[in-house]
N, C-alpha and C. Protein backbone atom coordinates (compact mmCIF):
# COMPACT_ATOMS: atom_id res chain seq x y z
N MET A 1 14.08 -35.09 4.44
CA MET A 1 13.78 -33.54 5.09
C MET A 1 14.57 -33.64 6.10
N ASN A 2 15.53 -32.30 6.28
CA ASN A 2 16.14 -32.28 7.64
C ASN A 2 15.15 -31.61 8.01
N LYS A 3 14.76 -32.64 8.99
CA LYS A 3 13.85 -32.01 10.17
C LYS A 3 13.76 -30.95 10.86
N LYS A 4 15.20 -30.69 11.56
CA LYS A 4 15.57 -29.37 12.29
C LYS A 4 14.98 -28.48 11.82
N GLN A 5 14.94 -28.30 10.50
CA GLN A 5 14.78 -26.85 9.56
C GLN A 5 13.75 -26.88 8.82
N GLY A 6 13.50 -28.18 8.53
CA GLY A 6 12.44 -28.14 7.23
C GLY A 6 12.50 -28.18 5.74
N PHE A 7 13.64 -28.51 5.89
CA PHE A 7 14.38 -27.99 4.43
C PHE A 7 14.38 -29.57 3.86
N PRO A 8 14.33 -29.65 2.56
CA PRO A 8 14.91 -30.75 1.87
C PRO A 8 16.53 -30.84 1.78
N GLU A 9 17.07 -31.57 2.17
CA GLU A 9 18.38 -31.53 2.41
C GLU A 9 19.50 -31.43 1.20
N SER A 10 18.74 -32.01 0.00
CA SER A 10 19.33 -31.62 -1.64
C SER A 10 19.57 -30.15 -1.85
N ASP A 11 18.43 -29.44 -1.05
CA ASP A 11 18.45 -27.86 -1.76
C ASP A 11 19.32 -26.64 -0.66
N SER A 12 19.41 -25.69 -1.09
CA SER A 12 20.67 -24.90 -0.58
C SER A 12 19.44 -23.52 -0.12
N TYR A 13 19.58 -23.07 1.00
CA TYR A 13 18.25 -21.93 0.63
C TYR A 13 19.26 -20.91 1.49
N THR A 14 18.35 -19.54 1.25
CA THR A 14 19.17 -18.65 1.78
C THR A 14 17.76 -17.49 2.31
N LYS A 15 18.36 -17.07 3.19
CA LYS A 15 17.19 -16.33 4.40
C LYS A 15 17.32 -14.85 3.89
N PHE A 16 15.51 -14.16 3.96
CA PHE A 16 15.53 -13.12 3.69
C PHE A 16 14.42 -12.69 4.61
N SER A 17 14.21 -11.41 4.59
CA SER A 17 13.06 -10.83 5.42
C SER A 17 11.92 -10.39 4.24
N ILE A 18 10.68 -10.44 4.68
CA ILE A 18 9.51 -10.30 3.57
C ILE A 18 8.31 -10.03 4.70
N SER A 19 7.69 -8.75 4.66
CA SER A 19 6.20 -8.31 5.31
C SER A 19 5.14 -8.65 4.92
N PHE A 20 4.35 -9.14 5.71
CA PHE A 20 3.07 -9.45 5.42
C PHE A 20 2.12 -8.70 6.32
N SER A 21 0.83 -8.96 5.70
CA SER A 21 -0.09 -7.91 6.46
C SER A 21 -0.56 -9.01 7.39
N ARG A 22 -1.30 -8.44 8.77
CA ARG A 22 -1.94 -9.53 9.60
C ARG A 22 -2.72 -10.26 9.28
N ASP A 23 -3.52 -10.00 8.10
CA ASP A 23 -4.19 -10.75 7.56
C ASP A 23 -3.74 -12.19 7.06
N VAL A 24 -2.53 -11.88 6.15
CA VAL A 24 -1.57 -13.02 5.69
C VAL A 24 -1.28 -13.90 6.82
N GLU A 25 -0.88 -13.32 8.17
CA GLU A 25 -0.42 -13.84 9.46
C GLU A 25 -1.34 -14.78 9.78
N ARG A 26 -2.23 -14.34 9.99
CA ARG A 26 -3.38 -15.31 10.46
C ARG A 26 -3.51 -16.10 10.00
N PHE A 27 -3.90 -15.80 8.27
CA PHE A 27 -3.86 -16.99 7.32
C PHE A 27 -3.29 -17.97 7.50
N LEU A 28 -1.74 -17.74 8.11
CA LEU A 28 -0.74 -18.96 7.59
C LEU A 28 -1.04 -19.80 8.84
N ASP A 29 -1.02 -18.69 10.32
CA ASP A 29 -1.20 -19.79 11.12
C ASP A 29 -2.49 -20.53 11.47
N ARG A 30 -3.78 -20.17 10.67
CA ARG A 30 -5.06 -21.26 10.77
C ARG A 30 -4.72 -22.26 9.89
N VAL A 31 -3.67 -21.97 8.50
CA VAL A 31 -3.14 -23.26 7.62
C VAL A 31 -2.69 -24.41 8.71
N LYS A 32 -1.83 -23.68 9.04
CA LYS A 32 -0.85 -24.44 10.19
C LYS A 32 -1.64 -25.23 11.20
N ASP A 33 -2.56 -24.33 12.37
CA ASP A 33 -3.09 -25.07 12.86
C ASP A 33 -4.26 -26.31 12.55
N GLU A 34 -5.01 -26.23 11.17
CA GLU A 34 -5.89 -27.05 10.67
C GLU A 34 -4.90 -28.21 10.39
N ILE A 35 -3.57 -28.13 9.66
CA ILE A 35 -2.93 -28.98 9.58
C ILE A 35 -2.94 -30.16 10.29
N ARG A 36 -2.41 -29.50 11.64
CA ARG A 36 -1.90 -30.25 12.91
C ARG A 36 -3.32 -30.77 13.69
N ASP A 37 -4.86 -30.06 13.07
CA ASP A 37 -5.64 -30.43 14.07
C ASP A 37 -6.34 -31.73 12.94
N LYS A 38 -5.87 -31.98 11.57
CA LYS A 38 -6.78 -32.95 10.97
C LYS A 38 -5.70 -33.90 10.99
N GLY A 39 -4.36 -34.15 11.80
CA GLY A 39 -3.91 -35.06 12.05
C GLY A 39 -2.21 -35.25 11.36
N GLY A 40 -2.19 -33.88 10.94
CA GLY A 40 -0.77 -33.62 10.27
C GLY A 40 0.21 -33.28 11.41
N LYS A 41 1.64 -33.54 10.97
CA LYS A 41 2.42 -32.90 11.61
C LYS A 41 2.68 -31.42 11.95
N ARG A 42 3.50 -30.77 12.70
CA ARG A 42 3.40 -29.52 13.17
C ARG A 42 4.28 -28.92 11.89
N ILE A 43 3.71 -27.84 11.43
CA ILE A 43 4.31 -27.15 10.03
C ILE A 43 5.13 -25.63 10.55
N SER A 44 5.78 -25.45 9.87
CA SER A 44 5.80 -24.03 10.06
C SER A 44 5.57 -22.78 8.93
N ARG A 45 5.20 -21.78 9.35
CA ARG A 45 5.00 -21.05 8.39
C ARG A 45 5.80 -20.41 6.83
N SER A 46 6.75 -20.84 7.53
CA SER A 46 8.12 -21.04 6.20
C SER A 46 7.79 -21.84 5.21
N GLU A 47 7.23 -23.22 6.09
CA GLU A 47 7.28 -24.03 5.17
C GLU A 47 6.02 -24.28 3.99
N ILE A 48 4.93 -23.40 4.74
CA ILE A 48 3.76 -23.00 3.69
C ILE A 48 4.11 -22.36 2.77
N ILE A 49 4.87 -21.39 3.36
CA ILE A 49 5.26 -20.38 2.05
C ILE A 49 5.71 -20.76 1.24
N ARG A 50 7.21 -21.80 1.55
CA ARG A 50 7.82 -22.58 0.34
C ARG A 50 6.80 -23.17 -0.62
N ALA A 51 5.97 -23.77 0.16
CA ALA A 51 5.49 -25.13 -0.82
C ALA A 51 4.58 -24.27 -1.77
N ALA A 52 3.52 -22.90 -0.82
CA ALA A 52 2.92 -21.97 -2.04
C ALA A 52 4.06 -21.58 -3.37
N LEU A 53 5.17 -21.41 -2.99
CA LEU A 53 5.78 -21.10 -4.10
C LEU A 53 6.52 -21.63 -5.01
N ARG A 54 6.70 -22.82 -4.44
CA ARG A 54 7.00 -24.25 -5.32
C ARG A 54 5.52 -24.05 -6.38
N TYR A 55 4.65 -24.24 -6.04
CA TYR A 55 3.65 -24.50 -6.77
C TYR A 55 3.24 -23.29 -7.66
N VAL A 56 3.46 -22.09 -7.46
CA VAL A 56 3.64 -20.94 -8.19
C VAL A 56 4.51 -21.16 -9.14
N GLN A 57 5.85 -21.76 -8.89
CA GLN A 57 6.71 -21.86 -9.95
C GLN A 57 6.36 -22.69 -11.04
N SER A 58 5.56 -23.69 -10.76
CA SER A 58 4.96 -24.74 -11.69
C SER A 58 4.15 -24.45 -12.85
N LEU A 59 3.90 -22.89 -12.27
CA LEU A 59 2.51 -22.19 -13.35
C LEU A 59 3.37 -21.73 -14.78
N LYS A 60 2.72 -21.58 -15.64
CA LYS A 60 3.22 -21.23 -16.92
C LYS A 60 2.29 -19.60 -16.77
N VAL A 61 3.25 -18.72 -16.14
CA VAL A 61 2.44 -16.96 -15.84
C VAL A 61 2.68 -16.54 -16.99
N ASP A 62 1.76 -15.41 -17.74
CA ASP A 62 2.22 -14.44 -18.68
C ASP A 62 2.62 -13.28 -17.80
N LEU A 63 3.68 -13.38 -17.85
CA LEU A 63 4.34 -11.60 -16.92
C LEU A 63 4.80 -10.58 -17.96
N GLU A 64 4.27 -10.43 -19.63
CA GLU A 64 4.19 -9.24 -20.12
C GLU A 64 3.83 -8.48 -19.28
N ASN A 65 4.04 -6.93 -19.34
CA ASN A 65 3.57 -6.01 -18.87
C ASN A 65 3.15 -5.71 -17.13
N VAL A 66 3.45 -6.63 -16.51
CA VAL A 66 2.58 -6.57 -15.33
C VAL A 66 3.02 -5.29 -14.70
N GLU A 67 2.08 -4.73 -14.07
CA GLU A 67 2.68 -3.59 -13.54
C GLU A 67 2.40 -3.31 -12.16
N ASP A 68 1.75 -4.29 -11.10
CA ASP A 68 1.53 -4.07 -10.09
C ASP A 68 1.32 -5.80 -9.26
N GLU A 69 1.58 -5.65 -8.12
CA GLU A 69 1.06 -6.55 -7.53
C GLU A 69 -0.50 -7.67 -7.48
N ASP A 70 -1.62 -6.16 -7.91
CA ASP A 70 -2.66 -6.97 -7.49
C ASP A 70 -3.02 -7.82 -9.46
N GLU A 71 -1.88 -6.62 -10.20
CA GLU A 71 -2.43 -7.52 -11.63
C GLU A 71 -1.68 -8.96 -11.89
N LEU A 72 -0.43 -8.99 -11.04
CA LEU A 72 0.26 -10.41 -10.81
C LEU A 72 -0.58 -11.35 -10.17
N LEU A 73 -1.36 -11.20 -9.17
CA LEU A 73 -2.08 -12.04 -8.37
C LEU A 73 -3.54 -12.30 -9.29
N GLU A 74 -3.82 -11.46 -10.22
CA GLU A 74 -4.77 -12.14 -11.19
C GLU A 74 -3.83 -12.85 -12.33
N ARG A 75 -3.06 -12.71 -12.96
CA ARG A 75 -1.97 -13.51 -13.92
C ARG A 75 -1.78 -14.90 -13.15
N PHE A 76 -1.68 -15.19 -11.85
CA PHE A 76 -1.30 -16.25 -11.04
C PHE A 76 -2.71 -17.11 -11.13
N LYS A 77 -3.74 -16.48 -11.13
CA LYS A 77 -5.27 -16.99 -11.02
C LYS A 77 -5.39 -17.25 -12.75
N THR A 78 -5.11 -16.49 -13.38
CA THR A 78 -5.63 -17.46 -14.59
C THR A 78 -4.70 -18.47 -15.37
N ALA A 79 -3.10 -18.40 -14.77
CA ALA A 79 -2.70 -19.82 -14.96
C ALA A 79 -2.74 -20.77 -14.13
N ASN A 80 -3.41 -20.97 -13.25
CA ASN A 80 -3.60 -22.01 -12.15
C ASN A 80 -5.12 -22.46 -12.87
N LYS A 81 -5.92 -21.53 -13.87
CA LYS A 81 -7.31 -22.14 -14.48
C LYS A 81 -6.77 -23.18 -16.02
N LYS A 82 -5.92 -23.23 -16.22
CA LYS A 82 -5.31 -23.87 -17.90
C LYS A 82 -4.89 -24.89 -17.43
């Protein structure tokens, strides 16, 4: 791990902007605070998001005819149950 940036050293990354609701921002802050409070090391919001996305990548999600974000979320939930 490249401790300065929190990236695995063997991977290359690109930076881009993404918008989140205030609720998501508060959730990410709660997660990182809980990790620290339970003896974990300091972790960034970006690291939490990357970990969550890597998990989603491992799912076998049915992407046929997805029409919006809410439907995609339901497909993720269904894939997680399998």
